């Protein structure tokens, strides 16, 4: 068990944190090489063993630690609080800057849009038309925060017309609840101040007019929520970094089949291995460049169209 956990944390360090968060890279490598910490994590339920959850729980219980040695000491000094936090909470990173890589797809859809996000958390990604964007110096939208995004395609010319929006999440977060939003902020990697500023700005937008997020499971409750979308609008079901929480490939494929059966436009933005039938279609000569570690694969109706940064910092389009 601990060997698999060590490999998981080492993979996180090298594929996800490296080049993005020196602190989390060091912490993950530290965990991977520490038998006592691995035993602590192994005693938790499988869905509570994620690196992001461990690191956020230690921050929540003991504050932000500057290096591996102080992190390890803080973990064991507050181990009961850390364990309780990990058992009570989950990773619900709500990264609003991901709207910058979703907008080029939404901008290509005609007519009025009805957005339905699964794994919506506080619903911040349901508000793409209320933010501002900067694509390599080309601005779109007048809202704030303004998300910076490097792109190899022209910036969208106009904002989509969104007439309905709804989210589905097992544990919705109320953007007006200070305790809940503080946990969201704790989940942001501590050496990424721009992400913190973006989150705070998006939460301010959401507090003014919170998007409705229904408590439910994407495996059982999607169809009922989709049925409430207005007729005459194009229903768009989308998600980012969500299907990894379904460990069974058959469940992920069943979800994809249901979205198709509902008749919605389907936008997925996930780690390539999560939907292998889609990633197999990605052009072999257009694989993400080496410095694009941990890239997500953006797809529309099961057809891959772009590689994207997990936090919305860049998009590399290769689709039609």
Foldseek 3Di string as FASTA:
>chain_A
DLQVLLVQLQCCLPFPCVPPPPASNQQSNLCSPDPVNSVLLVVDPPQLNDSLLLQLLLCVQPNHDDGNVVSVVSCVVRVVSSRVSSVVDHDLQQQLLQLLVVFVVLLVDDDEEAEEEESCAQVLVQPSQQDWEAAPNDIAHDHDDYHYAHEPDDGRPHGHHYDHYEYEYQDHDHLVDPVRVVSNLSSPRPVDVVRSVRSVTSSVVCNVPPHHYHNDDLLPCPLVVQVPDDPPHAYEYEYAADLVSVVDLVSVVVSLVVCVVSVHWYKYWYQCVSNVQLSVQPPPVPDDDPSLRRWTFIDISSHTFWTARSNNHYIYGDHD
